[in-house]
Protein backbone atom coordinates (compact mmCIF):
# COMPACT_ATOMS: atom_id res chain seq x y z
CA UNK A 1 0.66 24.03 -57.85
CA UNK A 2 2.58 21.99 -54.74
CA UNK A 3 0.75 19.09 -52.77
CA UNK A 4 -0.23 19.19 -49.44
CA UNK A 5 2.61 18.51 -46.43
CA UNK A 6 1.26 17.27 -43.48
CA UNK A 7 3.73 17.55 -40.53
CA UNK A 8 3.11 16.33 -36.92
CA UNK A 9 3.60 18.44 -33.95
CA UNK A 10 3.19 17.92 -29.80
CA UNK A 11 1.59 20.25 -27.82
CA UNK A 12 2.75 20.14 -23.72
CA UNK A 13 -0.81 20.19 -21.42
CA UNK A 14 -0.94 21.60 -17.96
CA UNK A 15 -1.44 18.86 -15.35
CA UNK A 16 -4.53 20.10 -14.68
CA UNK A 17 -5.91 18.14 -17.72
CA UNK A 18 -5.55 15.31 -15.75
CA UNK A 19 -6.84 16.03 -12.66
CA UNK A 20 -9.72 17.86 -14.66
CA UNK A 21 -10.59 15.98 -17.74
CA UNK A 22 -12.20 12.10 -16.84
CA UNK A 23 -11.76 11.45 -20.72
CA UNK A 24 -7.95 11.89 -20.58
CA UNK A 25 -7.46 10.27 -17.45
CA UNK A 26 -9.47 7.19 -18.76
CA UNK A 27 -7.13 7.04 -21.78
CA UNK A 28 -4.33 7.23 -19.77
CA UNK A 29 -4.23 4.69 -16.95
CA UNK A 30 -0.21 4.39 -17.39
CA UNK A 31 0.61 7.92 -16.42
CA UNK A 32 2.22 8.23 -12.60
CA UNK A 33 2.53 12.09 -12.72
CA UNK A 34 6.14 12.44 -13.71
CA UNK A 35 6.43 12.81 -16.85
CA UNK A 36 4.13 15.27 -18.77
CA UNK A 37 0.37 15.43 -20.31
CA UNK A 38 1.04 15.98 -24.44
CA UNK A 39 -1.45 16.20 -27.01
CA UNK A 40 -0.06 14.93 -30.36
CA UNK A 41 -1.92 16.34 -33.62
CA UNK A 42 -1.15 16.70 -37.52
CA UNK A 43 -0.95 19.62 -39.93
CA UNK A 44 -0.88 20.85 -43.30
CA UNK A 45 0.09 24.41 -42.05
CA UNK A 46 3.01 25.14 -39.98
CA UNK A 47 3.51 24.17 -36.21
CA UNK A 48 3.27 27.40 -34.93
CA UNK A 49 -0.13 28.29 -37.36
CA UNK A 50 -1.44 25.47 -35.69
CA UNK A 51 -1.09 25.95 -32.10
CA UNK A 52 -2.57 29.30 -32.30
CA UNK A 53 -5.75 27.80 -33.84
CA UNK A 54 -6.06 25.71 -30.98
CA UNK A 55 -5.00 28.14 -28.55
CA UNK A 56 -8.16 30.85 -30.03
CA UNK A 57 -10.79 28.25 -30.97
CA UNK A 58 -10.24 28.64 -34.41
CA UNK A 59 -13.65 28.16 -36.91
CA UNK A 60 -13.22 27.62 -40.72
CA UNK A 61 -15.53 29.81 -43.09
CA UNK A 62 -18.48 27.00 -42.40
CA UNK A 63 -17.93 27.71 -39.18
CA UNK A 64 -16.80 24.30 -38.15
CA UNK A 65 -14.33 24.12 -34.81
CA UNK A 66 -11.35 23.20 -36.03
CA UNK A 67 -9.11 23.07 -32.37
CA UNK A 68 -9.43 20.55 -29.83
CA UNK A 69 -10.75 21.89 -26.44
CA UNK A 70 -7.85 20.22 -24.24
CA UNK A 71 -5.71 21.90 -26.12
CA UNK A 72 -7.81 25.61 -26.21
CA UNK A 73 -8.18 24.55 -22.51
CA UNK A 74 -4.59 23.41 -21.35
CA UNK A 75 -2.19 23.88 -24.06
CA UNK A 76 1.08 25.48 -23.00
CA UNK A 77 3.49 25.63 -26.20
CA UNK A 78 5.28 23.13 -28.34
CA UNK A 79 7.49 20.45 -27.54
CA UNK A 80 9.82 20.18 -31.52
CA UNK A 81 11.57 17.86 -29.61
CA UNK A 82 9.53 15.10 -29.49
CA UNK A 83 8.35 15.54 -33.28
CA UNK A 84 11.29 17.31 -35.01
CA UNK A 85 12.80 13.78 -35.66
CA UNK A 86 9.69 13.12 -38.34
CA UNK A 87 9.53 14.40 -41.69
CA UNK A 88 6.78 16.04 -43.34
CA UNK A 89 4.71 12.99 -44.97
CA UNK A 90 2.49 13.42 -48.42
CA UNK A 91 -0.91 11.89 -47.79
CA UNK A 92 -3.07 13.21 -44.80
CA UNK A 93 -3.60 9.17 -44.52
CA UNK A 94 0.22 8.55 -43.42
CA UNK A 95 0.05 11.81 -41.44
CA UNK A 96 -3.00 10.15 -39.49
CA UNK A 97 -0.96 6.91 -39.02
CA UNK A 98 2.11 8.47 -37.71
CA UNK A 99 -0.44 10.80 -35.63
CA UNK A 100 -1.40 7.66 -33.78
CA UNK A 101 2.36 5.72 -33.90
CA UNK A 102 4.04 9.07 -31.94
CA UNK A 103 1.17 9.10 -29.67
CA UNK A 104 1.31 5.24 -28.93
CA UNK A 105 4.77 5.42 -28.39
CA UNK A 106 4.73 8.08 -26.18
CA UNK A 107 1.87 6.56 -23.91
CA UNK A 108 4.19 3.47 -23.91
CA UNK A 109 7.81 5.81 -21.78
CA UNK A 110 4.72 6.86 -19.30
CA UNK A 111 3.53 10.55 -21.15
CA UNK A 112 -0.04 11.52 -20.20
CA UNK A 113 -1.19 11.46 -24.55
CA UNK A 114 -4.25 12.86 -26.05
CA UNK A 115 -4.81 12.48 -29.81
CA UNK A 116 -7.91 11.96 -32.25
């Protein structure tokens, strides 16, 4: 049995998220409207599988919602050019840290970014 590998992914969001979602706007005071709004996440699934889970409001067998409301409502498509340089990670903890590092790096570049 192979161990799970975790992958980082980036989803472009509609810019409407910035005008319609106060929490998103408050988290991104650096955003000047020029670049895109993004969601950064991590998964043990394929990038495409995880994107589809977000867009369909996926719930697990116990009924817990595993999708982001922001991506479900505003998600447009995956942005592989922003994450393809990151190799799969072997632990969930490493992936969570990398998710945060990438999100903060993209914010420094003046993207508007949401991550958990």
